[in-house]
């Protein structure tokens, strides 16, 4: 005679655990396949953290130059730049580390801004590498009033020590672009207004395969803040 019985509590719990584990593996595999949506979401979020770091940098004079200004030299400086000198004898200047190390590593700019001796090379911390298929870069100029009225982001705001052209007292612009069209379909930008904008990738954002890409390889349309007409026609504000 066959006897039918229901699942015991232990069996139910075991089955539930197995289902949860399998779902977790499925999600992990989905993310590891490099789906554009997850990569693009990561890029926009990381760009937002750069904007937050800039607000902190300016409000708290993180480099200790005595000037209320933004860091516009590059991306990685928001991690590698030395903070104010400690008054304690023999104490070392500690890097500001306002962004994640892997975002600093994803700086498209291969050069180093010495900042009057106040900066550290990226190689002291990590090697350059894209972040979830995206590179980040400090923009060159603000073209919001037109290319003929462009405002350079990298300026010398004075202060002590003299750190050269790597700050701006009221403006900044940053871009996140995909390493290749297969790794992302959108480019993201942010400026001092702390709003992320997105545009579809109509042409590859970079040329070549160098790591890091170098600013010279970035499409000119993405390395400067767009003028008002271009902004209205091509760029969309993210909620």
Protein backbone atom coordinates (compact mmCIF):
# COMPACT_ATOMS: atom_id res chain seq x y z
CA UNK A 1 0.00 0.00 0.00
CA UNK A 2 1.32 3.45 -0.93
CA UNK A 3 1.26 6.08 1.80
CA UNK A 4 1.17 9.73 0.85
CA UNK A 5 2.64 12.31 3.21
CA UNK A 6 3.40 16.03 3.12
CA UNK A 7 6.82 17.61 3.36
CA UNK A 8 8.24 17.99 6.83
CA UNK A 9 9.25 21.43 8.14
CA UNK A 10 12.91 20.52 7.69
CA UNK A 11 12.35 19.56 4.08
CA UNK A 12 10.45 22.78 3.40
CA UNK A 13 13.26 24.88 4.90
CA UNK A 14 15.91 22.93 2.99
CA UNK A 15 14.02 23.40 -0.28
CA UNK A 16 13.61 27.12 0.39
CA UNK A 17 17.33 27.52 1.09
CA UNK A 18 18.22 25.72 -2.14
CA UNK A 19 15.88 27.99 -4.11
CA UNK A 20 17.39 31.12 -2.54
CA UNK A 21 20.93 29.92 -3.28
CA UNK A 22 20.04 29.15 -6.88
CA UNK A 23 18.42 32.55 -7.31
CA UNK A 24 21.51 34.19 -5.85
CA UNK A 25 23.72 32.32 -8.29
CA UNK A 26 21.45 33.28 -11.15
CA UNK A 27 21.65 36.97 -10.22
CA UNK A 28 25.45 36.76 -9.86
CA UNK A 29 25.79 35.11 -13.24
CA UNK A 30 23.52 37.74 -14.79
CA UNK A 31 25.66 40.56 -13.41
CA UNK A 32 28.91 38.87 -14.40
CA UNK A 33 27.79 38.53 -18.00
CA UNK A 34 28.26 42.28 -18.30
CA UNK A 35 24.72 43.28 -19.12
CA UNK A 36 24.76 46.94 -20.27
CA UNK A 37 21.99 47.99 -17.87
CA UNK A 38 23.92 47.00 -14.75
CA UNK A 39 27.14 48.58 -16.04
CA UNK A 40 25.41 51.81 -16.99
CA UNK A 41 23.68 51.98 -13.62
CA UNK A 42 27.05 51.56 -11.91
CA UNK A 43 28.60 54.30 -14.06
CA UNK A 44 25.88 56.84 -13.23
CA UNK A 45 26.05 56.03 -9.52
CA UNK A 46 29.85 56.37 -9.47
CA UNK A 47 29.58 59.71 -11.27
CA UNK A 48 27.21 60.81 -8.51
CA UNK A 49 29.79 59.85 -5.89
CA UNK A 50 32.37 61.99 -7.70
CA UNK A 51 29.96 64.92 -7.48
CA UNK A 52 29.45 64.29 -3.76
CA UNK A 53 33.23 64.11 -3.29
CA UNK A 54 33.57 67.50 -4.98
CA UNK A 55 31.07 69.07 -2.58
CA UNK A 56 33.05 67.64 0.34
CA UNK A 57 36.37 68.74 -1.18
CA UNK A 58 35.25 72.33 -1.60
CA UNK A 59 33.34 72.71 1.66
CA UNK A 60 36.09 71.22 3.82
CA UNK A 61 39.22 72.39 1.94
CA UNK A 62 40.40 68.80 1.69
CA UNK A 63 43.74 69.67 0.10
CA UNK A 64 44.44 72.38 2.69
CA UNK A 65 45.36 75.13 0.22
CA UNK A 66 43.26 77.65 2.11
CA UNK A 67 40.94 78.28 -0.85
CA UNK A 68 37.29 77.33 -1.30
CA UNK A 69 37.56 75.55 -4.64
CA UNK A 70 36.84 72.35 -6.56
CA UNK A 71 39.45 69.86 -7.75
CA UNK A 72 39.40 69.85 -11.56
CA UNK A 73 42.79 68.35 -12.39
CA UNK A 74 41.54 64.81 -12.98
CA UNK A 75 39.44 62.07 -11.38
CA UNK A 76 42.09 60.12 -9.49
CA UNK A 77 43.24 63.18 -7.55
CA UNK A 78 40.06 62.89 -5.48
CA UNK A 79 41.68 59.76 -4.09
CA UNK A 80 45.45 60.27 -4.40
CA UNK A 81 45.79 63.93 -3.42
CA UNK A 82 47.50 64.58 -0.10
CA UNK A 83 45.39 66.20 2.57
CA UNK A 84 46.44 69.04 4.91
CA UNK A 85 49.66 68.55 6.82
CA UNK A 86 49.21 67.22 10.33
CA UNK A 87 50.50 69.46 13.15
CA UNK A 88 51.94 66.39 14.88
CA UNK A 89 55.75 66.01 14.57
CA UNK A 90 56.75 63.42 11.97
CA UNK A 91 53.16 62.82 10.83
CA UNK A 92 52.58 62.04 7.16
CA UNK A 93 50.09 63.66 4.84
CA UNK A 94 47.22 61.23 4.33
CA UNK A 95 45.55 60.90 0.88
CA UNK A 96 42.07 62.40 0.79
CA UNK A 97 40.41 59.20 -0.56
CA UNK A 98 37.09 60.92 -1.30
CA UNK A 99 36.16 58.36 -3.98
CA UNK A 100 36.57 54.59 -4.26
CA UNK A 101 39.95 53.26 -5.32
CA UNK A 102 38.46 51.44 -8.30
CA UNK A 103 36.90 54.69 -9.53
CA UNK A 104 40.27 56.44 -9.22
CA UNK A 105 41.76 53.55 -11.20
CA UNK A 106 39.18 54.16 -13.95
CA UNK A 107 40.46 57.68 -14.65
CA UNK A 108 40.84 57.97 -18.42
CA UNK A 109 43.60 60.55 -18.02
CA UNK A 110 47.00 58.85 -18.07
CA UNK A 111 48.89 61.93 -16.84
CA UNK A 112 49.53 62.95 -13.25
CA UNK A 113 48.83 66.41 -11.84
CA UNK A 114 51.74 67.14 -9.45
CA UNK A 115 49.77 69.87 -7.65
CA UNK A 116 52.86 71.54 -6.26
CA UNK A 117 54.10 68.29 -4.76
CA UNK A 118 50.78 67.64 -3.02
CA UNK A 119 49.78 64.63 -5.12
CA UNK A 120 50.66 60.93 -5.22
CA UNK A 121 50.87 58.82 -8.39
CA UNK A 122 48.05 56.34 -8.94
CA UNK A 123 50.68 53.59 -9.11
CA UNK A 124 51.25 54.04 -5.37
CA UNK A 125 47.79 52.57 -4.82
CA UNK A 126 46.60 50.57 -7.80
CA UNK A 127 46.83 50.01 -11.56
CA UNK A 128 44.55 51.72 -14.13
CA UNK A 129 41.47 49.72 -15.13
CA UNK A 130 37.95 50.48 -16.30
CA UNK A 131 35.13 50.24 -13.74
CA UNK A 132 32.33 47.96 -14.92
CA UNK A 133 33.30 48.71 -18.52
CA UNK A 134 33.37 52.51 -18.01
CA UNK A 135 36.07 55.17 -17.81
CA UNK A 136 35.76 58.51 -16.02
CA UNK A 137 37.38 61.84 -16.86
CA UNK A 138 37.54 65.43 -15.70
CA UNK A 139 36.20 67.62 -18.48
CA UNK A 140 38.35 70.28 -20.09
CA UNK A 141 36.01 73.26 -20.40
CA UNK A 142 32.47 74.52 -19.83
CA UNK A 143 30.83 75.36 -23.18
CA UNK A 144 27.38 76.07 -21.74
CA UNK A 145 27.55 79.67 -22.99
CA UNK A 146 28.98 78.60 -26.35
CA UNK A 147 32.38 77.43 -27.55
CA UNK A 148 33.46 81.03 -28.13
CA UNK A 149 32.85 81.72 -24.43
CA UNK A 150 34.38 78.51 -23.10
CA UNK A 151 35.54 78.53 -19.49
CA UNK A 152 38.49 76.30 -18.69
CA UNK A 153 37.90 74.07 -15.69
CA UNK A 154 41.59 73.83 -14.79
CA UNK A 155 42.56 77.14 -13.26
CA UNK A 156 45.03 78.38 -10.67
CA UNK A 157 42.97 79.60 -7.73
CA UNK A 158 46.02 80.59 -5.71
CA UNK A 159 46.44 79.42 -2.17
CA UNK A 160 49.39 77.88 -0.39
CA UNK A 161 51.12 75.95 -1.68
CA UNK A 162 50.72 77.03 -5.29
CA UNK A 163 49.26 73.89 -6.87
CA UNK A 164 49.02 75.17 -10.43
CA UNK A 165 46.06 74.82 -12.79
CA UNK A 166 44.02 72.08 -11.14
CA UNK A 167 41.15 73.87 -9.40
CA UNK A 168 38.16 76.08 -10.12
CA UNK A 169 36.42 78.21 -7.55
CA UNK A 170 32.86 77.47 -8.72
CA UNK A 171 32.77 74.98 -11.61
CA UNK A 172 33.62 71.41 -12.54
CA UNK A 173 32.54 68.82 -15.08
CA UNK A 174 33.02 65.03 -15.21
CA UNK A 175 32.09 62.40 -17.76
CA UNK A 176 31.65 58.61 -17.66
CA UNK A 177 31.92 56.82 -21.00
CA UNK A 178 31.98 53.14 -22.01
CA UNK A 179 35.17 51.40 -23.00
CA UNK A 180 33.38 50.16 -26.12
CA UNK A 181 29.82 50.20 -27.53
CA UNK A 182 29.41 46.58 -26.42
CA UNK A 183 30.01 47.58 -22.80
CA UNK A 184 27.63 50.51 -22.61
CA UNK A 185 25.13 52.42 -24.73
CA UNK A 186 25.16 55.72 -22.86
CA UNK A 187 27.52 58.51 -21.80
CA UNK A 188 26.88 60.32 -18.50
CA UNK A 189 27.97 63.78 -17.34
CA UNK A 190 27.67 65.84 -14.16
CA UNK A 191 28.71 69.34 -13.13
CA UNK A 192 28.50 71.61 -10.09
CA UNK A 193 24.68 71.53 -10.21
CA UNK A 194 24.90 67.87 -9.09
CA UNK A 195 22.54 66.59 -11.81
CA UNK A 196 23.37 63.57 -13.94
CA UNK A 197 22.66 63.81 -17.69
CA UNK A 198 22.69 60.97 -20.20
CA UNK A 199 22.99 60.71 -23.95
CA UNK A 200 22.94 57.77 -26.31
CA UNK A 201 26.27 56.63 -27.69
CA UNK A 202 26.04 57.65 -31.35
CA UNK A 203 29.76 57.07 -32.05
CA UNK A 204 32.44 55.28 -29.99
CA UNK A 205 33.43 57.51 -27.09
CA UNK A 206 37.10 56.60 -27.46
CA UNK A 207 39.53 55.33 -30.07
CA UNK A 208 42.24 52.74 -29.58
CA UNK A 209 42.69 50.19 -26.81
CA UNK A 210 45.20 51.91 -24.53
CA UNK A 211 44.81 51.50 -20.76
CA UNK A 212 43.99 54.10 -19.64
CA UNK A 213 42.59 55.64 -22.86
CA UNK A 214 44.20 59.09 -22.48
CA UNK A 215 42.17 62.27 -22.96
CA UNK A 216 43.39 62.66 -26.54
CA UNK A 217 41.51 59.49 -27.48
CA UNK A 218 38.17 60.67 -26.05
CA UNK A 219 35.61 62.00 -28.53
CA UNK A 220 35.65 65.83 -28.44
CA UNK A 221 31.89 65.98 -27.92
CA UNK A 222 32.22 64.27 -24.56
CA UNK A 223 35.22 66.00 -23.03
CA UNK A 224 33.64 69.49 -22.76
CA UNK A 225 30.39 70.49 -21.08
CA UNK A 226 27.87 70.94 -23.94
CA UNK A 227 26.33 74.24 -25.00
CA UNK A 228 22.68 74.94 -24.22
CA UNK A 229 21.34 73.95 -27.64
CA UNK A 230 23.21 70.63 -27.63
CA UNK A 231 22.10 69.96 -24.07
CA UNK A 232 18.44 70.42 -24.97
CA UNK A 233 18.68 68.31 -28.11
CA UNK A 234 20.83 65.40 -27.03
CA UNK A 235 21.15 65.16 -23.26
CA UNK A 236 18.48 63.89 -20.86
CA UNK A 237 18.29 64.55 -17.14
CA UNK A 238 18.20 61.47 -14.93
CA UNK A 239 15.64 61.44 -12.12
